Amino acid sequence: MTAPAAVLAGDEADPLPIVMVAAMARNGVIGVDNGLPWHMRSDLKHFRAATWGKPMIMGRKTYQSIGRPLPGRETVVVTRDPAFAAEGVHVVDGLDAAFALAAMLARTSGAEEIIVAGGATIYAEAMKRADRLVITEIQLEAEGDAVFPPIDPLQWLQASRTAYPRGEKDDAAYDVVVWQRR
């Protein structure tokens, strides 16, 4: 089993946890056509609270689906497109560079963890380095073309599960599940 490669915040005695934050349907779908296959206002509020004030890593397509830098968070966009640029975000060409930059941003701002916010390719590549997963399980089946990587119970321990009813502007009820690396 590969140990998580926590990103260092200045010295080896002070690693920063890497936390993957995602919403997925019961069937693992996280997206369709570079967007979300549901409307979940409650989960958007949860995402904001979970990521506020922390450096956030995401892929170019995820960033473009959002369409703008999110307030209160430094965003590091990973892309293989050397021509890609966007105002208000940091652009890097790989996950290693993203983690190094996010660690520097966290050290500067006093954040205690680094967030990985998608999409499917970034989640799959970052899974082996993550320390914690914060997953919103949307209680519906969704059609989609992007899925979250499998959560291996031999590597992950479910630390908590909190159920929430369907809110007024939500397509379904949901659970927020926190997984810790074993």
C-alpha atoms as a PDB file:
ATOM      1  CA  MET A   1       0.000   0.000   0.000  1.00  0.00           C
ATOM      2  CA  THR A   2       1.317   3.439  -0.909  1.00  0.00           C
ATOM      3  CA  ALA A   3       1.414   5.921   1.944  1.00  0.00           C
ATOM      4  CA  PRO A   4      -0.100   9.318   1.235  1.00  0.00           C
ATOM      5  CA  ALA A   5       2.407  11.871   0.050  1.00  0.00           C
ATOM      6  CA  ALA A   6       1.292  14.794   2.199  1.00  0.00           C
ATOM      7  CA  VAL A   7       2.570  18.025   0.795  1.00  0.00           C
ATOM      8  CA  LEU A   8       5.159  19.795   2.870  1.00  0.00           C
ATOM      9  CA  ALA A   9       4.491  23.242   4.231  1.00  0.00           C
ATOM     10  CA  GLY A  10       8.027  24.484   4.566  1.00  0.00           C
ATOM     11  CA  ASP A  11       9.639  21.542   6.327  1.00  0.00           C
ATOM     12  CA  GLU A  12       9.207  17.802   6.558  1.00  0.00           C
ATOM     13  CA  ALA A  13       7.862  17.983  10.118  1.00  0.00           C
ATOM     14  CA  ASP A  14       4.779  19.895   9.009  1.00  0.00           C
ATOM     15  CA  PRO A  15       3.017  18.063   6.161  1.00  0.00           C
ATOM     16  CA  LEU A  16      -0.244  19.484   4.872  1.00  0.00           C
ATOM     17  CA  PRO A  17      -3.114  17.041   4.505  1.00  0.00           C
ATOM     18  CA  ILE A  18      -4.511  16.592   1.012  1.00  0.00           C
ATOM     19  CA  VAL A  19      -8.306  16.503   1.039  1.00  0.00           C
ATOM     20  CA  MET A  20     -10.381  15.510  -1.974  1.00  0.00           C
ATOM     21  CA  VAL A  21     -13.837  17.125  -1.982  1.00  0.00           C
ATOM     22  CA  ALA A  22     -16.418  15.774  -4.421  1.00  0.00           C
ATOM     23  CA  ALA A  23     -20.112  15.170  -4.983  1.00  0.00           C
ATOM     24  CA  MET A  24     -21.195  11.962  -6.669  1.00  0.00           C
ATOM     25  CA  ALA A  25     -24.351  10.044  -7.445  1.00  0.00           C
ATOM     26  CA  ARG A  26     -24.937   6.561  -6.019  1.00  0.00           C
ATOM     27  CA  ASN A  27     -23.467   5.114  -9.225  1.00  0.00           C
ATOM     28  CA  GLY A  28     -20.238   7.143  -8.907  1.00  0.00           C
ATOM     29  CA  VAL A  29     -21.095   9.746 -11.561  1.00  0.00           C
ATOM     30  CA  ILE A  30     -19.656  13.194 -10.847  1.00  0.00           C
ATOM     31  CA  GLY A  31     -20.301  14.980 -14.132  1.00  0.00           C
ATOM     32  CA  VAL A  32     -21.812  15.097 -17.587  1.00  0.00           C
ATOM     33  CA  ASP A  33     -20.720  17.267 -20.518  1.00  0.00           C
ATOM     34  CA  ASN A  34     -18.346  19.273 -18.254  1.00  0.00           C
ATOM     35  CA  GLY A  35     -21.138  20.108 -15.835  1.00  0.00           C
ATOM     36  CA  LEU A  36     -23.063  18.646 -12.930  1.00  0.00           C
ATOM     37  CA  PRO A  37     -25.922  16.240 -13.659  1.00  0.00           C
ATOM     38  CA  TRP A  38     -27.987  17.639 -10.756  1.00  0.00           C
ATOM     39  CA  HIS A  39     -28.857  20.842  -8.955  1.00  0.00           C
ATOM     40  CA  MET A  40     -27.906  20.740  -5.276  1.00  0.00           C
ATOM     41  CA  ARG A  41     -27.861  24.172  -3.675  1.00  0.00           C
ATOM     42  CA  SER A  42     -27.230  22.599  -0.244  1.00  0.00           C
ATOM     43  CA  ASP A  43     -24.126  20.834  -1.527  1.00  0.00           C
ATOM     44  CA  LEU A  44     -22.808  24.037  -3.110  1.00  0.00           C
ATOM     45  CA  LYS A  45     -22.987  25.626   0.360  1.00  0.00           C
ATOM     46  CA  HIS A  46     -21.230  22.592   1.846  1.00  0.00           C
ATOM     47  CA  PHE A  47     -18.512  22.793  -0.848  1.00  0.00           C
ATOM     48  CA  ARG A  48     -17.961  26.483  -0.102  1.00  0.00           C
ATOM     49  CA  ALA A  49     -17.609  25.817   3.632  1.00  0.00           C
ATOM     50  CA  ALA A  50     -15.260  22.848   3.103  1.00  0.00           C
ATOM     51  CA  THR A  51     -12.953  24.738   0.749  1.00  0.00           C
ATOM     52  CA  TRP A  52     -13.065  28.331   2.022  1.00  0.00           C
ATOM     53  CA  GLY A  53      -9.649  29.853   2.671  1.00  0.00           C
ATOM     54  CA  LYS A  54      -7.762  26.838   1.339  1.00  0.00           C
ATOM     55  CA  PRO A  55      -5.771  26.422  -1.856  1.00  0.00           C
ATOM     56  CA  MET A  56      -7.785  24.383  -4.306  1.00  0.00           C
ATOM     57  CA  ILE A  57      -6.445  22.233  -7.157  1.00  0.00           C
ATOM     58  CA  MET A  58      -8.611  21.433 -10.168  1.00  0.00           C
ATOM     59  CA  GLY A  59      -8.268  20.506 -13.797  1.00  0.00           C
ATOM     60  CA  ARG A  60      -8.806  22.942 -16.650  1.00  0.00           C
ATOM     61  CA  LYS A  61     -12.160  21.493 -17.714  1.00  0.00           C
ATOM     62  CA  THR A  62     -13.499  21.724 -14.159  1.00  0.00           C
ATOM     63  CA  TYR A  63     -12.294  25.309 -13.940  1.00  0.00           C
ATOM     64  CA  GLN A  64     -13.886  26.163 -17.282  1.00  0.00           C
ATOM     65  CA  SER A  65     -17.184  24.589 -16.200  1.00  0.00           C
ATOM     66  CA  ILE A  66     -17.189  26.941 -13.183  1.00  0.00           C
ATOM     67  CA  GLY A  67     -16.166  29.809 -15.440  1.00  0.00           C
ATOM     68  CA  ARG A  68     -14.453  32.026 -12.895  1.00  0.00           C
ATOM     69  CA  PRO A  69     -12.169  31.972  -9.864  1.00  0.00           C
ATOM     70  CA  LEU A  70     -14.121  31.125  -6.726  1.00  0.00           C
ATOM     71  CA  PRO A  71     -13.944  33.804  -4.033  1.00  0.00           C
ATOM     72  CA  GLY A  72     -12.058  33.089  -0.822  1.00  0.00           C
ATOM     73  CA  ARG A  73      -9.869  30.380  -2.347  1.00  0.00           C
ATOM     74  CA  GLU A  74      -6.647  30.405  -4.342  1.00  0.00           C
ATOM     75  CA  THR A  75      -7.221  28.166  -7.350  1.00  0.00           C
ATOM     76  CA  VAL A  76      -4.478  26.144  -9.019  1.00  0.00           C
ATOM     77  CA  VAL A  77      -5.524  24.891 -12.460  1.00  0.00           C
ATOM     78  CA  VAL A  78      -3.735  21.855 -13.932  1.00  0.00           C
ATOM     79  CA  THR A  79      -3.605  21.674 -17.720  1.00  0.00           C
ATOM     80  CA  ARG A  80      -1.535  20.166 -20.499  1.00  0.00           C
ATOM     81  CA  ASP A  81      -2.518  23.103 -22.731  1.00  0.00           C
ATOM     82  CA  PRO A  82       0.485  25.487 -22.720  1.00  0.00           C
ATOM     83  CA  ALA A  83      -1.665  28.269 -24.189  1.00  0.00           C
ATOM     84  CA  PHE A  84      -4.256  28.177 -21.395  1.00  0.00           C
ATOM     85  CA  ALA A  85      -4.388  31.248 -19.181  1.00  0.00           C
ATOM     86  CA  ALA A  86      -7.085  32.631 -16.912  1.00  0.00           C
ATOM     87  CA  GLU A  87      -7.138  35.756 -14.835  1.00  0.00           C
ATOM     88  CA  GLY A  88      -7.202  35.243 -11.086  1.00  0.00           C
ATOM     89  CA  VAL A  89      -5.931  31.643 -11.019  1.00  0.00           C
ATOM     90  CA  HIS A  90      -2.562  29.915 -11.025  1.00  0.00           C
ATOM     91  CA  VAL A  91      -1.896  27.637 -14.008  1.00  0.00           C
ATOM     92  CA  VAL A  92       0.516  24.685 -13.864  1.00  0.00           C
ATOM     93  CA  ASP A  93       1.296  21.780 -16.171  1.00  0.00           C
ATOM     94  CA  GLY A  94       1.111  18.868 -13.757  1.00  0.00           C
ATOM     95  CA  LEU A  95      -0.076  17.590 -10.403  1.00  0.00           C
ATOM     96  CA  ASP A  96       3.367  17.707  -8.762  1.00  0.00           C
ATOM     97  CA  ALA A  97       3.673  21.396  -9.637  1.00  0.00           C
ATOM     98  CA  ALA A  98       0.111  21.958  -8.409  1.00  0.00           C
ATOM     99  CA  PHE A  99       0.826  20.400  -5.010  1.00  0.00           C
ATOM    100  CA  ALA A 100       4.074  22.352  -4.628  1.00  0.00           C
ATOM    101  CA  LEU A 101       2.355  25.640  -5.487  1.00  0.00           C
ATOM    102  CA  ALA A 102      -0.658  24.857  -3.286  1.00  0.00           C
ATOM    103  CA  ALA A 103       1.677  24.138  -0.339  1.00  0.00           C
ATOM    104  CA  MET A 104       3.348  27.523  -0.833  1.00  0.00           C
ATOM    105  CA  LEU A 105      -0.054  29.245  -1.061  1.00  0.00           C
ATOM    106  CA  ALA A 106      -1.241  27.451   2.083  1.00  0.00           C
ATOM    107  CA  ARG A 107       1.904  28.438   3.968  1.00  0.00           C
ATOM    108  CA  THR A 108       1.398  32.065   2.930  1.00  0.00           C
ATOM    109  CA  SER A 109      -2.293  32.156   3.894  1.00  0.00           C
ATOM    110  CA  GLY A 110      -2.142  29.954   6.995  1.00  0.00           C
ATOM    111  CA  ALA A 111      -4.371  27.233   5.520  1.00  0.00           C
ATOM    112  CA  GLU A 112      -3.946  23.838   7.154  1.00  0.00           C
ATOM    113  CA  GLU A 113      -4.833  21.626   4.199  1.00  0.00           C
ATOM    114  CA  ILE A 114      -4.905  21.476   0.418  1.00  0.00           C
ATOM    115  CA  ILE A 115      -8.135  20.748  -1.458  1.00  0.00           C
ATOM    116  CA  VAL A 116      -8.424  18.681  -4.633  1.00  0.00           C
ATOM    117  CA  ALA A 117     -11.675  19.663  -6.368  1.00  0.00           C
ATOM    118  CA  GLY A 118     -11.827  17.642  -9.585  1.00  0.00           C
ATOM    119  CA  GLY A 119     -12.448  16.571 -12.210  1.00  0.00           C
ATOM    120  CA  ALA A 120     -12.316  12.856 -12.792  1.00  0.00           C
ATOM    121  CA  THR A 121      -8.744  12.732 -14.150  1.00  0.00           C
ATOM    122  CA  ILE A 122      -7.360  14.898 -11.335  1.00  0.00           C
ATOM    123  CA  TYR A 123      -9.222  12.840  -8.712  1.00  0.00           C
ATOM    124  CA  ALA A 124      -7.855   9.590 -10.180  1.00  0.00           C
ATOM    125  CA  GLU A 125      -4.288  10.926 -10.226  1.00  0.00           C
ATOM    126  CA  ALA A 126      -4.492  12.477  -6.749  1.00  0.00           C
ATOM    127  CA  MET A 127      -6.221   9.538  -5.005  1.00  0.00           C
ATOM    128  CA  LYS A 128      -2.960   7.835  -4.038  1.00  0.00           C
ATOM    129  CA  ARG A 129      -1.718  11.075  -2.428  1.00  0.00           C
ATOM    130  CA  ALA A 130      -4.893  12.019  -0.558  1.00  0.00           C
ATOM    131  CA  ASP A 131      -5.193  11.813   3.212  1.00  0.00           C
ATOM    132  CA  ARG A 132      -8.939  12.394   3.458  1.00  0.00           C
ATOM    133  CA  LEU A 133     -11.995  12.264   1.186  1.00  0.00           C
ATOM    134  CA  VAL A 134     -15.050  14.433   1.820  1.00  0.00           C
ATOM    135  CA  ILE A 135     -17.727  12.981  -0.422  1.00  0.00           C
ATOM    136  CA  THR A 136     -21.278  14.188  -0.868  1.00  0.00           C
ATOM    137  CA  GLU A 137     -23.269  11.123  -1.893  1.00  0.00           C
ATOM    138  CA  ILE A 138     -26.272  12.394  -3.854  1.00  0.00           C
ATOM    139  CA  GLN A 139     -29.156   9.962  -3.369  1.00  0.00           C
ATOM    140  CA  LEU A 140     -29.949   9.438  -7.024  1.00  0.00           C
ATOM    141  CA  GLU A 141     -28.611   7.599 -10.063  1.00  0.00           C
ATOM    142  CA  ALA A 142     -27.211   9.949 -12.694  1.00  0.00           C
ATOM    143  CA  GLU A 143     -26.318   9.688 -16.346  1.00  0.00           C
ATOM    144  CA  GLY A 144     -22.837  11.022 -16.925  1.00  0.00           C
ATOM    145  CA  ASP A 145     -19.441  10.745 -18.543  1.00  0.00           C
ATOM    146  CA  ALA A 146     -17.216  11.420 -15.520  1.00  0.00           C
ATOM    147  CA  VAL A 147     -16.942   9.199 -12.443  1.00  0.00           C
ATOM    148  CA  PHE A 148     -15.127   9.344  -9.119  1.00  0.00           C
ATOM    149  CA  PRO A 149     -12.401   6.714  -8.701  1.00  0.00           C
ATOM    150  CA  PRO A 150     -13.365   3.667  -6.599  1.00  0.00           C
ATOM    151  CA  ILE A 151     -12.870   4.054  -2.845  1.00  0.00           C
ATOM    152  CA  ASP A 152     -10.963   0.934  -1.770  1.00  0.00           C
ATOM    153  CA  PRO A 153     -12.114  -0.111   1.742  1.00  0.00           C
ATOM    154  CA  LEU A 154      -8.696  -1.689   2.334  1.00  0.00           C
ATOM    155  CA  GLN A 155      -7.126   1.770   2.015  1.00  0.00           C
ATOM    156  CA  TRP A 156      -9.935   3.962   3.354  1.00  0.00           C
ATOM    157  CA  LEU A 157     -11.881   3.944   6.624  1.00  0.00           C
ATOM    158  CA  GLN A 158     -15.270   5.651   6.778  1.00  0.00           C
ATOM    159  CA  ALA A 159     -14.824   8.157   9.610  1.00  0.00           C
ATOM    160  CA  SER A 160     -18.302   9.718   9.518  1.00  0.00           C
ATOM    161  CA  ARG A 161     -21.573   9.796   7.612  1.00  0.00           C
ATOM    162  CA  THR A 162     -24.189  12.506   8.044  1.00  0.00           C
ATOM    163  CA  ALA A 163     -27.541  12.272   6.237  1.00  0.00           C
ATOM    164  CA  TYR A 164     -29.355  15.407   5.037  1.00  0.00           C
ATOM    165  CA  PRO A 165     -32.906  15.669   3.702  1.00  0.00           C
ATOM    166  CA  ARG A 166     -33.626  17.086   0.277  1.00  0.00           C
ATOM    167  CA  GLY A 167     -33.513  20.858   0.536  1.00  0.00           C
ATOM    168  CA  GLU A 168     -35.899  23.228  -1.203  1.00  0.00           C
ATOM    169  CA  LYS A 169     -33.508  23.772  -4.122  1.00  0.00           C
ATOM    170  CA  ASP A 170     -32.020  20.260  -4.240  1.00  0.00           C
ATOM    171  CA  ASP A 171     -32.731  17.424  -6.649  1.00  0.00           C
ATOM    172  CA  ALA A 172     -32.294  14.776  -3.926  1.00  0.00           C
ATOM    173  CA  ALA A 173     -31.373  14.010  -0.333  1.00  0.00           C
ATOM    174  CA  TYR A 174     -27.667  13.452   0.303  1.00  0.00           C
ATOM    175  CA  ASP A 175     -25.099  12.147   2.773  1.00  0.00           C
ATOM    176  CA  VAL A 176     -21.749  13.744   3.531  1.00  0.00           C
ATOM    177  CA  VAL A 177     -19.226  10.950   4.052  1.00  0.00           C
ATOM    178  CA  VAL A 178     -15.702  11.501   5.364  1.00  0.00           C
ATOM    179  CA  TRP A 179     -13.095   8.839   4.625  1.00  0.00           C
ATOM    180  CA  GLN A 180      -9.655   8.700   6.298  1.00  0.00           C
ATOM    181  CA  ARG A 181      -6.738   6.852   4.799  1.00  0.00           C
ATOM    182  CA  ARG A 182      -5.963   3.708   6.822  1.00  0.00           C
END
